[in-house]
Amino acid sequence: MEDHQLFSGLIRLHILHHACKEPIFGLGMIEELARHGYRLSAGTLYPLLHGLERKGYLRSFEKRSGNHSRRMYRATPAGRKALAAAKHKVQELFGELFEDD
């Protein structure tokens, strides 16, 4: 069984990475994360998205298509800056994790 506490930071980075590339939405991220072996429910993902938005890393907007509307998220300048800093830290950590292999 996965330790969700351990992986939650990686999941947030993954979300931020995709939100920097293009606007994202919940179900799309659930499917994307599943491709990488993370099995998240909407009840787990949406609080992560809302938390990233509260911290100022994401901004949400409504996208309407006919009678349908979808909440989309995109990275803010603060989110882009945070991701750039995190990339450096992750690279450093991965270097240490795999230096003995």
PDB file of N, CA and C in Angstrom:
ATOM      1  N   MET A   1       0.846  -1.193   0.000  1.00  0.00           N
ATOM      2  CA  MET A   1       0.000   0.000   0.000  1.00  0.00           C
ATOM      3  C   MET A   1       0.887   1.251   0.000  1.00  0.00           C
ATOM      4  N   GLU A   2       0.518   2.212  -0.831  1.00  0.00           N
ATOM      5  CA  GLU A   2       1.298   3.436  -0.937  1.00  0.00           C
ATOM      6  C   GLU A   2       1.132   4.297   0.311  1.00  0.00           C
ATOM      7  N   ASP A   3       2.173   5.010   0.640  1.00  0.00           N
ATOM      8  CA  ASP A   3       2.130   5.975   1.733  1.00  0.00           C
ATOM      9  C   ASP A   3       1.786   7.330   1.124  1.00  0.00           C
ATOM     10  N   HIS A   4       0.510   7.705   1.191  1.00  0.00           N
ATOM     11  CA  HIS A   4       0.048   8.943   0.551  1.00  0.00           C
ATOM     12  C   HIS A   4       0.741  10.174   1.114  1.00  0.00           C
ATOM     13  N   GLN A   5       1.095  10.148   2.385  1.00  0.00           N
ATOM     14  CA  GLN A   5       1.808  11.278   2.976  1.00  0.00           C
ATOM     15  C   GLN A   5       3.159  11.464   2.289  1.00  0.00           C
ATOM     16  N   LEU A   6       3.837  10.368   2.041  1.00  0.00           N
ATOM     17  CA  LEU A   6       5.153  10.414   1.422  1.00  0.00           C
ATOM     18  C   LEU A   6       5.086  10.936  -0.007  1.00  0.00           C
ATOM     19  N   PHE A   7       4.062  10.539  -0.752  1.00  0.00           N
ATOM     20  CA  PHE A   7       3.958  10.903  -2.164  1.00  0.00           C
ATOM     21  C   PHE A   7       3.204  12.200  -2.415  1.00  0.00           C
ATOM     22  N   SER A   8       2.574  12.774  -1.404  1.00  0.00           N
ATOM     23  CA  SER A   8       1.728  13.946  -1.644  1.00  0.00           C
ATOM     24  C   SER A   8       2.513  15.120  -2.204  1.00  0.00           C
ATOM     25  N   GLY A   9       3.751  15.305  -1.783  1.00  0.00           N
ATOM     26  CA  GLY A   9       4.567  16.385  -2.334  1.00  0.00           C
ATOM     27  C   GLY A   9       4.890  16.159  -3.801  1.00  0.00           C
ATOM     28  N   LEU A  10       5.167  14.901  -4.166  1.00  0.00           N
ATOM     29  CA  LEU A  10       5.443  14.584  -5.571  1.00  0.00           C
ATOM     30  C   LEU A  10       4.204  14.824  -6.430  1.00  0.00           C
ATOM     31  N   ILE A  11       3.046  14.471  -5.890  1.00  0.00           N
ATOM     32  CA  ILE A  11       1.789  14.683  -6.617  1.00  0.00           C
ATOM     33  C   ILE A  11       1.558  16.177  -6.831  1.00  0.00           C
ATOM     34  N   ARG A  12       1.799  16.990  -5.811  1.00  0.00           N
ATOM     35  CA  ARG A  12       1.646  18.444  -5.952  1.00  0.00           C
ATOM     36  C   ARG A  12       2.592  18.990  -7.023  1.00  0.00           C
ATOM     37  N   LEU A  13       3.831  18.508  -7.040  1.00  0.00           N
ATOM     38  CA  LEU A  13       4.785  18.949  -8.061  1.00  0.00           C
ATOM     39  C   LEU A  13       4.323  18.535  -9.455  1.00  0.00           C
ATOM     40  N   HIS A  14       3.781  17.347  -9.544  1.00  0.00           N
ATOM     41  CA  HIS A  14       3.274  16.858 -10.825  1.00  0.00           C
ATOM     42  C   HIS A  14       2.135  17.758 -11.321  1.00  0.00           C
ATOM     43  N   ILE A  15       1.220  18.083 -10.420  1.00  0.00           N
ATOM     44  CA  ILE A  15       0.099  18.971 -10.761  1.00  0.00           C
ATOM     45  C   ILE A  15       0.636  20.318 -11.226  1.00  0.00           C
ATOM     46  N   LEU A  16       1.550  20.879 -10.469  1.00  0.00           N
ATOM     47  CA  LEU A  16       2.114  22.185 -10.796  1.00  0.00           C
ATOM     48  C   LEU A  16       2.846  22.153 -12.144  1.00  0.00           C
ATOM     49  N   HIS A  17       3.565  21.077 -12.389  1.00  0.00           N
ATOM     50  CA  HIS A  17       4.266  20.909 -13.666  1.00  0.00           C
ATOM     51  C   HIS A  17       3.291  21.007 -14.838  1.00  0.00           C
ATOM     52  N   HIS A  18       2.197  20.273 -14.755  1.00  0.00           N
ATOM     53  CA  HIS A  18       1.221  20.282 -15.851  1.00  0.00           C
ATOM     54  C   HIS A  18       0.486  21.612 -15.947  1.00  0.00           C
ATOM     55  N   ALA A  19       0.208  22.230 -14.794  1.00  0.00           N
ATOM     56  CA  ALA A  19      -0.495  23.518 -14.794  1.00  0.00           C
ATOM     57  C   ALA A  19       0.382  24.634 -15.353  1.00  0.00           C
ATOM     58  N   CYS A  20       1.689  24.447 -15.328  1.00  0.00           N
ATOM     59  CA  CYS A  20       2.598  25.421 -15.945  1.00  0.00           C
ATOM     60  C   CYS A  20       2.590  25.279 -17.463  1.00  0.00           C
ATOM     61  N   LYS A  21       2.335  24.084 -17.946  1.00  0.00           N
ATOM     62  CA  LYS A  21       2.336  23.830 -19.391  1.00  0.00           C
ATOM     63  C   LYS A  21       1.038  24.294 -20.051  1.00  0.00           C
ATOM     64  N   GLU A  22      -0.092  24.012 -19.378  1.00  0.00           N
ATOM     65  CA  GLU A  22      -1.408  24.320 -19.938  1.00  0.00           C
ATOM     66  C   GLU A  22      -2.448  24.250 -18.821  1.00  0.00           C
ATOM     67  N   PRO A  23      -3.619  24.838 -19.037  1.00  0.00           N
ATOM     68  CA  PRO A  23      -4.673  24.718 -18.026  1.00  0.00           C
ATOM     69  C   PRO A  23      -5.050  23.246 -17.814  1.00  0.00           C
ATOM     70  N   ILE A  24      -5.316  22.887 -16.579  1.00  0.00           N
ATOM     71  CA  ILE A  24      -5.658  21.504 -16.223  1.00  0.00           C
ATOM     72  C   ILE A  24      -7.038  21.482 -15.571  1.00  0.00           C
ATOM     73  N   PHE A  25      -7.608  20.289 -15.460  1.00  0.00           N
ATOM     74  CA  PHE A  25      -8.862  20.105 -14.740  1.00  0.00           C
ATOM     75  C   PHE A  25      -8.775  18.810 -13.948  1.00  0.00           C
ATOM     76  N   GLY A  26      -9.623  18.680 -12.951  1.00  0.00           N
ATOM     77  CA  GLY A  26      -9.532  17.580 -11.994  1.00  0.00           C
ATOM     78  C   GLY A  26      -9.485  16.196 -12.602  1.00  0.00           C
ATOM     79  N   LEU A  27     -10.498  15.832 -13.385  1.00  0.00           N
ATOM     80  CA  LEU A  27     -10.547  14.477 -13.946  1.00  0.00           C
ATOM     81  C   LEU A  27      -9.346  14.216 -14.850  1.00  0.00           C
ATOM     82  N   GLY A  28      -8.947  15.220 -15.611  1.00  0.00           N
ATOM     83  CA  GLY A  28      -7.769  15.062 -16.464  1.00  0.00           C
ATOM     84  C   GLY A  28      -6.521  14.768 -15.648  1.00  0.00           C
ATOM     85  N   MET A  29      -6.390  15.425 -14.486  1.00  0.00           N
ATOM     86  CA  MET A  29      -5.222  15.172 -13.633  1.00  0.00           C
ATOM     87  C   MET A  29      -5.317  13.821 -12.945  1.00  0.00           C
ATOM     88  N   ILE A  30      -6.507  13.405 -12.583  1.00  0.00           N
ATOM     89  CA  ILE A  30      -6.668  12.061 -11.997  1.00  0.00           C
ATOM     90  C   ILE A  30      -6.189  11.018 -13.004  1.00  0.00           C
ATOM     91  N   GLU A  31      -6.573  11.186 -14.273  1.00  0.00           N
ATOM     92  CA  GLU A  31      -6.152  10.251 -15.320  1.00  0.00           C
ATOM     93  C   GLU A  31      -4.649  10.332 -15.569  1.00  0.00           C
ATOM     94  N   GLU A  32      -4.098  11.540 -15.610  1.00  0.00           N
ATOM     95  CA  GLU A  32      -2.654  11.712 -15.821  1.00  0.00           C
ATOM     96  C   GLU A  32      -1.859  11.086 -14.683  1.00  0.00           C
ATOM     97  N   LEU A  33      -2.270  11.330 -13.461  1.00  0.00           N
ATOM     98  CA  LEU A  33      -1.562  10.769 -12.312  1.00  0.00           C
ATOM     99  C   LEU A  33      -1.673   9.247 -12.290  1.00  0.00           C
ATOM    100  N   ALA A  34      -2.810   8.713 -12.728  1.00  0.00           N
ATOM    101  CA  ALA A  34      -2.988   7.255 -12.784  1.00  0.00           C
ATOM    102  C   ALA A  34      -1.998   6.628 -13.766  1.00  0.00           C
ATOM    103  N   ARG A  35      -1.677   7.344 -14.845  1.00  0.00           N
ATOM    104  CA  ARG A  35      -0.681   6.831 -15.808  1.00  0.00           C
ATOM    105  C   ARG A  35       0.684   6.666 -15.155  1.00  0.00           C
ATOM    106  N   HIS A  36       0.904   7.391 -14.064  1.00  0.00           N
ATOM    107  CA  HIS A  36       2.179   7.322 -13.350  1.00  0.00           C
ATOM    108  C   HIS A  36       2.084   6.477 -12.073  1.00  0.00           C
ATOM    109  N   GLY A  37       0.968   5.761 -11.924  1.00  0.00           N
ATOM    110  CA  GLY A  37       0.826   4.855 -10.801  1.00  0.00           C
ATOM    111  C   GLY A  37       0.190   5.451  -9.555  1.00  0.00           C
ATOM    112  N   TYR A  38      -0.243   6.693  -9.618  1.00  0.00           N
ATOM    113  CA  TYR A  38      -0.922   7.312  -8.474  1.00  0.00           C
ATOM    114  C   TYR A  38      -2.418   7.128  -8.646  1.00  0.00           C
ATOM    115  N   ARG A  39      -3.054   6.502  -7.680  1.00  0.00           N
ATOM    116  CA  ARG A  39      -4.496   6.268  -7.746  1.00  0.00           C
ATOM    117  C   ARG A  39      -5.176   7.234  -6.784  1.00  0.00           C
ATOM    118  N   LEU A  40      -5.705   8.315  -7.327  1.00  0.00           N
ATOM    119  CA  LEU A  40      -6.347   9.334  -6.502  1.00  0.00           C
ATOM    120  C   LEU A  40      -7.827   9.424  -6.833  1.00  0.00           C
ATOM    121  N   SER A  41      -8.616   9.638  -5.807  1.00  0.00           N
ATOM    122  CA  SER A  41     -10.034   9.903  -6.004  1.00  0.00           C
ATOM    123  C   SER A  41     -10.219  11.411  -6.110  1.00  0.00           C
ATOM    124  N   ALA A  42     -11.390  11.811  -6.561  1.00  0.00           N
ATOM    125  CA  ALA A  42     -11.710  13.241  -6.617  1.00  0.00           C
ATOM    126  C   ALA A  42     -11.650  13.837  -5.211  1.00  0.00           C
ATOM    127  N   GLY A  43     -12.035  13.056  -4.212  1.00  0.00           N
ATOM    128  CA  GLY A  43     -12.012  13.518  -2.826  1.00  0.00           C
ATOM    129  C   GLY A  43     -10.611  13.760  -2.295  1.00  0.00           C
ATOM    130  N   THR A  44      -9.622  13.201  -2.949  1.00  0.00           N
ATOM    131  CA  THR A  44      -8.216  13.442  -2.587  1.00  0.00           C
ATOM    132  C   THR A  44      -7.624  14.555  -3.448  1.00  0.00           C
ATOM    133  N   LEU A  45      -7.926  14.527  -4.753  1.00  0.00           N
ATOM    134  CA  LEU A  45      -7.311  15.488  -5.665  1.00  0.00           C
ATOM    135  C   LEU A  45      -7.814  16.915  -5.456  1.00  0.00           C
ATOM    136  N   TYR A  46      -9.123  17.094  -5.335  1.00  0.00           N
ATOM    137  CA  TYR A  46      -9.641  18.465  -5.265  1.00  0.00           C
ATOM    138  C   TYR A  46      -9.138  19.246  -4.059  1.00  0.00           C
ATOM    139  N   PRO A  47      -9.015  18.636  -2.887  1.00  0.00           N
ATOM    140  CA  PRO A  47      -8.395  19.390  -1.784  1.00  0.00           C
ATOM    141  C   PRO A  47      -6.946  19.798  -2.088  1.00  0.00           C
ATOM    142  N   LEU A  48      -6.200  18.975  -2.841  1.00  0.00           N
ATOM    143  CA  LEU A  48      -4.840  19.352  -3.242  1.00  0.00           C
ATOM    144  C   LEU A  48      -4.881  20.566  -4.168  1.00  0.00           C
ATOM    145  N   LEU A  49      -5.784  20.533  -5.147  1.00  0.00           N
ATOM    146  CA  LEU A  49      -5.922  21.667  -6.066  1.00  0.00           C
ATOM    147  C   LEU A  49      -6.315  22.933  -5.308  1.00  0.00           C
ATOM    148  N   HIS A  50      -7.282  22.814  -4.407  1.00  0.00           N
ATOM    149  CA  HIS A  50      -7.740  23.975  -3.632  1.00  0.00           C
ATOM    150  C   HIS A  50      -6.624  24.504  -2.737  1.00  0.00           C
ATOM    151  N   GLY A  51      -5.840  23.612  -2.166  1.00  0.00           N
ATOM    152  CA  GLY A  51      -4.723  24.029  -1.323  1.00  0.00           C
ATOM    153  C   GLY A  51      -3.667  24.773  -2.126  1.00  0.00           C
ATOM    154  N   LEU A  52      -3.357  24.280  -3.325  1.00  0.00           N
ATOM    155  CA  LEU A  52      -2.397  24.972  -4.190  1.00  0.00           C
ATOM    156  C   LEU A  52      -2.938  26.333  -4.620  1.00  0.00           C
ATOM    157  N   GLU A  53      -4.245  26.414  -4.788  1.00  0.00           N
ATOM    158  CA  GLU A  53      -4.854  27.698  -5.151  1.00  0.00           C
ATOM    159  C   GLU A  53      -4.804  28.667  -3.956  1.00  0.00           C
ATOM    160  N   ARG A  54      -5.106  28.173  -2.759  1.00  0.00           N
ATOM    161  CA  ARG A  54      -5.040  29.024  -1.554  1.00  0.00           C
ATOM    162  C   ARG A  54      -3.631  29.571  -1.337  1.00  0.00           C
ATOM    163  N   LYS A  55      -2.624  28.768  -1.641  1.00  0.00           N
ATOM    164  CA  LYS A  55      -1.233  29.207  -1.477  1.00  0.00           C
ATOM    165  C   LYS A  55      -0.796  30.163  -2.585  1.00  0.00           C
ATOM    166  N   GLY A  56      -1.633  30.333  -3.596  1.00  0.00           N
ATOM    167  CA  GLY A  56      -1.310  31.256  -4.678  1.00  0.00           C
ATOM    168  C   GLY A  56      -0.526  30.636  -5.821  1.00  0.00           C
ATOM    169  N   TYR A  57      -0.406  29.295  -5.845  1.00  0.00           N
ATOM    170  CA  TYR A  57       0.339  28.616  -6.899  1.00  0.00           C
ATOM    171  C   TYR A  57      -0.520  28.336  -8.132  1.00  0.00           C
ATOM    172  N   LEU A  58      -1.816  28.206  -7.926  1.00  0.00           N
ATOM    173  CA  LEU A  58      -2.756  27.968  -9.026  1.00  0.00           C
ATOM    174  C   LEU A  58      -3.842  29.037  -8.982  1.00  0.00           C
ATOM    175  N   ARG A  59      -4.422  29.300 -10.134  1.00  0.00           N
ATOM    176  CA  ARG A  59      -5.597  30.163 -10.225  1.00  0.00           C
ATOM    177  C   ARG A  59      -6.634  29.384 -11.025  1.00  0.00           C
ATOM    178  N   SER A  60      -7.857  29.367 -10.535  1.00  0.00           N
ATOM    179  CA  SER A  60      -8.901  28.626 -11.235  1.00  0.00           C
ATOM    180  C   SER A  60      -9.803  29.583 -12.000  1.00  0.00           C
ATOM    181  N   PHE A  61     -10.434  29.033 -13.019  1.00  0.00           N
ATOM    182  CA  PHE A  61     -11.411  29.780 -13.805  1.00  0.00           C
ATOM    183  C   PHE A  61     -12.408  28.777 -14.368  1.00  0.00           C
ATOM    184  N   GLU A  62     -13.563  29.276 -14.732  1.00  0.00           N
ATOM    185  CA  GLU A  62     -14.601  28.407 -15.272  1.00  0.00           C
ATOM    186  C   GLU A  62     -14.552  28.445 -16.794  1.00  0.00           C
ATOM    187  N   LYS A  63     -14.568  27.277 -17.388  1.00  0.00           N
ATOM    188  CA  LYS A  63     -14.598  27.172 -18.849  1.00  0.00           C
ATOM    189  C   LYS A  63     -15.957  26.593 -19.231  1.00  0.00           C
ATOM    190  N   ARG A  64     -16.698  27.356 -19.996  1.00  0.00           N
ATOM    191  CA  ARG A  64     -18.034  26.925 -20.408  1.00  0.00           C
ATOM    192  C   ARG A  64     -17.992  26.359 -21.825  1.00  0.00           C
ATOM    193  N   SER A  65     -18.747  25.296 -22.011  1.00  0.00           N
ATOM    194  CA  SER A  65     -18.894  24.690 -23.326  1.00  0.00           C
ATOM    195  C   SER A  65     -20.353  24.261 -23.445  1.00  0.00           C
ATOM    196  N   GLY A  66     -21.152  25.074 -24.111  1.00  0.00           N
ATOM    197  CA  GLY A  66     -22.589  24.782 -24.190  1.00  0.00           C
ATOM    198  C   GLY A  66     -23.202  24.855 -22.806  1.00  0.00           C
ATOM    199  N   ASN A  67     -23.880  23.801 -22.403  1.00  0.00           N
ATOM    200  CA  ASN A  67     -24.496  23.745 -21.070  1.00  0.00           C
ATOM    201  C   ASN A  67     -23.535  23.242 -20.001  1.00  0.00           C
ATOM    202  N   HIS A  68     -22.354  22.820 -20.442  1.00  0.00           N
ATOM    203  CA  HIS A  68     -21.346  22.273 -19.526  1.00  0.00           C
ATOM    204  C   HIS A  68     -20.390  23.360 -19.062  1.00  0.00           C
ATOM    205  N   SER A  69     -19.960  23.258 -17.833  1.00  0.00           N
ATOM    206  CA  SER A  69     -18.864  24.127 -17.389  1.00  0.00           C
ATOM    207  C   SER A  69     -17.870  23.272 -16.629  1.00  0.00           C
ATOM    208  N   ARG A  70     -16.636  23.670 -16.698  1.00  0.00           N
ATOM    209  CA  ARG A  70     -15.559  22.908 -16.058  1.00  0.00           C
ATOM    210  C   ARG A  70     -14.633  23.894 -15.362  1.00  0.00           C
ATOM    211  N   ARG A  71     -14.239  23.551 -14.123  1.00  0.00           N
ATOM    212  CA  ARG A  71     -13.282  24.375 -13.386  1.00  0.00           C
ATOM    213  C   ARG A  71     -11.896  23.998 -13.857  1.00  0.00           C
ATOM    214  N   MET A  72     -11.173  24.973 -14.381  1.00  0.00           N
ATOM    215  CA  MET A  72      -9.827  24.773 -14.892  1.00  0.00           C
ATOM    216  C   MET A  72      -8.845  25.466 -13.949  1.00  0.00           C
ATOM    217  N   TYR A  73      -7.620  24.977 -13.942  1.00  0.00           N
ATOM    218  CA  TYR A  73      -6.571  25.539 -13.088  1.00  0.00           C
ATOM    219  C   TYR A  73      -5.351  25.806 -13.940  1.00  0.00           C
ATOM    220  N   ARG A  74      -4.703  26.941 -13.685  1.00  0.00           N
ATOM    221  CA  ARG A  74      -3.448  27.232 -14.367  1.00  0.00           C
ATOM    222  C   ARG A  74      -2.472  27.782 -13.330  1.00  0.00           C
ATOM    223  N   ALA A  75      -1.194  27.590 -13.589  1.00  0.00           N
ATOM    224  CA  ALA A  75      -0.162  28.053 -12.655  1.00  0.00           C
ATOM    225  C   ALA A  75      -0.074  29.573 -12.693  1.00  0.00           C
ATOM    226  N   THR A  76       0.150  30.153 -11.540  1.00  0.00           N
ATOM    227  CA  THR A  76       0.388  31.585 -11.414  1.00  0.00           C
ATOM    228  C   THR A  76       1.896  31.835 -11.523  1.00  0.00           C
ATOM    229  N   PRO A  77       2.307  33.089 -11.613  1.00  0.00           N
ATOM    230  CA  PRO A  77       3.752  33.368 -11.578  1.00  0.00           C
ATOM    231  C   PRO A  77       4.413  32.800 -10.305  1.00  0.00           C
ATOM    232  N   ALA A  78       3.719  32.869  -9.175  1.00  0.00           N
ATOM    233  CA  ALA A  78       4.263  32.293  -7.930  1.00  0.00           C
ATOM    234  C   ALA A  78       4.386  30.776  -8.051  1.00  0.00           C
ATOM    235  N   GLY A  79       3.427  30.131  -8.726  1.00  0.00           N
ATOM    236  CA  GLY A  79       3.487  28.686  -8.938  1.00  0.00           C
ATOM    237  C   GLY A  79       4.650  28.295  -9.834  1.00  0.00           C
ATOM    238  N   ARG A  80       4.883  29.092 -10.857  1.00  0.00           N
ATOM    239  CA  ARG A  80       6.013  28.830 -11.768  1.00  0.00           C
ATOM    240  C   ARG A  80       7.344  28.978 -11.030  1.00  0.00           C
ATOM    241  N   LYS A  81       7.424  29.994 -10.195  1.00  0.00           N
ATOM    242  CA  LYS A  81       8.645  30.226  -9.417  1.00  0.00           C
ATOM    243  C   LYS A  81       8.862  29.088  -8.416  1.00  0.00           C
ATOM    244  N   ALA A  82       7.784  28.653  -7.760  1.00  0.00           N
ATOM    245  CA  ALA A  82       7.879  27.556  -6.794  1.00  0.00           C
ATOM    246  C   ALA A  82       8.308  26.264  -7.485  1.00  0.00           C
ATOM    247  N   LEU A  83       7.775  26.008  -8.676  1.00  0.00           N
ATOM    248  CA  LEU A  83       8.150  24.794  -9.409  1.00  0.00           C
ATOM    249  C   LEU A  83       9.625  24.840  -9.802  1.00  0.00           C
ATOM    250  N   ALA A  84      10.095  25.992 -10.246  1.00  0.00           N
ATOM    251  CA  ALA A  84      11.510  26.120 -10.622  1.00  0.00           C
ATOM    252  C   ALA A  84      12.406  25.839  -9.420  1.00  0.00           C
ATOM    253  N   ALA A  85      12.051  26.361  -8.254  1.00  0.00           N
ATOM    254  CA  ALA A  85      12.841  26.113  -7.038  1.00  0.00           C
ATOM    255  C   ALA A  85      12.770  24.639  -6.654  1.00  0.00           C
ATOM    256  N   ALA A  86      11.580  24.042  -6.784  1.00  0.00           N
ATOM    257  CA  ALA A  86      11.399  22.636  -6.424  1.00  0.00           C
ATOM    258  C   ALA A  86      12.202  21.725  -7.354  1.00  0.00           C
ATOM    259  N   LYS A  87      12.288  22.083  -8.630  1.00  0.00           N
ATOM    260  CA  LYS A  87      13.060  21.264  -9.579  1.00  0.00           C
ATOM    261  C   LYS A  87      14.509  21.148  -9.123  1.00  0.00           C
ATOM    262  N   HIS A  88      15.059  22.242  -8.667  1.00  0.00           N
ATOM    263  CA  HIS A  88      16.443  22.226  -8.185  1.00  0.00           C
ATOM    264  C   HIS A  88      16.572  21.301  -6.980  1.00  0.00           C
ATOM    265  N   LYS A  89      15.649  21.419  -6.034  1.00  0.00           N
ATOM    266  CA  LYS A  89      15.691  20.581  -4.831  1.00  0.00           C
ATOM    267  C   LYS A  89      15.494  19.103  -5.162  1.00  0.00           C
ATOM    268  N   VAL A  90      14.572  18.814  -6.081  1.00  0.00           N
ATOM    269  CA  VAL A  90      14.314  17.425  -6.474  1.00  0.00           C
ATOM    270  C   VAL A  90      15.533  16.833  -7.171  1.00  0.00           C
ATOM    271  N   GLN A  91      16.151  17.618  -8.032  1.00  0.00           N
ATOM    272  CA  GLN A  91      17.357  17.149  -8.737  1.00  0.00           C
ATOM    273  C   GLN A  91      18.456  16.811  -7.725  1.00  0.00           C
ATOM    274  N   GLU A  92      18.631  17.676  -6.756  1.00  0.00           N
ATOM    275  CA  GLU A  92      19.636  17.448  -5.712  1.00  0.00           C
ATOM    276  C   GLU A  92      19.317  16.183  -4.914  1.00  0.00           C
ATOM    277  N   LEU A  93      18.058  16.014  -4.524  1.00  0.00           N
ATOM    278  CA  LEU A  93      17.642  14.844  -3.759  1.00  0.00           C
ATOM    279  C   LEU A  93      17.820  13.568  -4.578  1.00  0.00           C
ATOM    280  N   PHE A  94      17.373  13.575  -5.821  1.00  0.00           N
ATOM    281  CA  PHE A  94      17.500  12.383  -6.656  1.00  0.00           C
ATOM    282  C   PHE A  94      18.962  12.009  -6.850  1.00  0.00           C
ATOM    283  N   GLY A  95      19.826  12.997  -6.963  1.00  0.00           N
ATOM    284  CA  GLY A  95      21.255  12.727  -7.065  1.00  0.00           C
ATOM    285  C   GLY A  95      21.750  11.951  -5.861  1.00  0.00           C
ATOM    286  N   GLU A  96      21.308  12.356  -4.676  1.00  0.00           N
ATOM    287  CA  GLU A  96      21.709  11.651  -3.455  1.00  0.00           C
ATOM    288  C   GLU A  96      21.069  10.270  -3.364  1.00  0.00           C
ATOM    289  N   LEU A  97      19.787  10.182  -3.732  1.00  0.00           N
ATOM    290  CA  LEU A  97      19.087   8.900  -3.632  1.00  0.00           C
ATOM    291  C   LEU A  97      19.717   7.826  -4.509  1.00  0.00           C
ATOM    292  N   PHE A  98      20.225   8.236  -5.675  1.00  0.00           N
ATOM    293  CA  PHE A  98      20.705   7.249  -6.635  1.00  0.00           C
ATOM    294  C   PHE A  98      22.220   7.219  -6.783  1.00  0.00           C
ATOM    295  N   GLU A  99      22.948   7.933  -5.933  1.00  0.00           N
ATOM    296  CA  GLU A  99      24.412   7.961  -6.079  1.00  0.00           C
ATOM    297  C   GLU A  99      25.061   6.623  -5.727  1.00  0.00           C
ATOM    298  N   ASP A 100      24.403   5.793  -4.926  1.00  0.00           N
ATOM    299  CA  ASP A 100      24.977   4.502  -4.549  1.00  0.00           C
ATOM    300  C   ASP A 100      24.590   3.377  -5.496  1.00  0.00           C
ATOM    301  N   ASP A 101      23.662   3.638  -6.414  1.00  0.00           N
ATOM    302  CA  ASP A 101      23.205   2.594  -7.338  1.00  0.00           C
ATOM    303  C   ASP A 101      24.210   2.287  -8.410  1.00  0.00           C
TER     304      ASP A 101
END
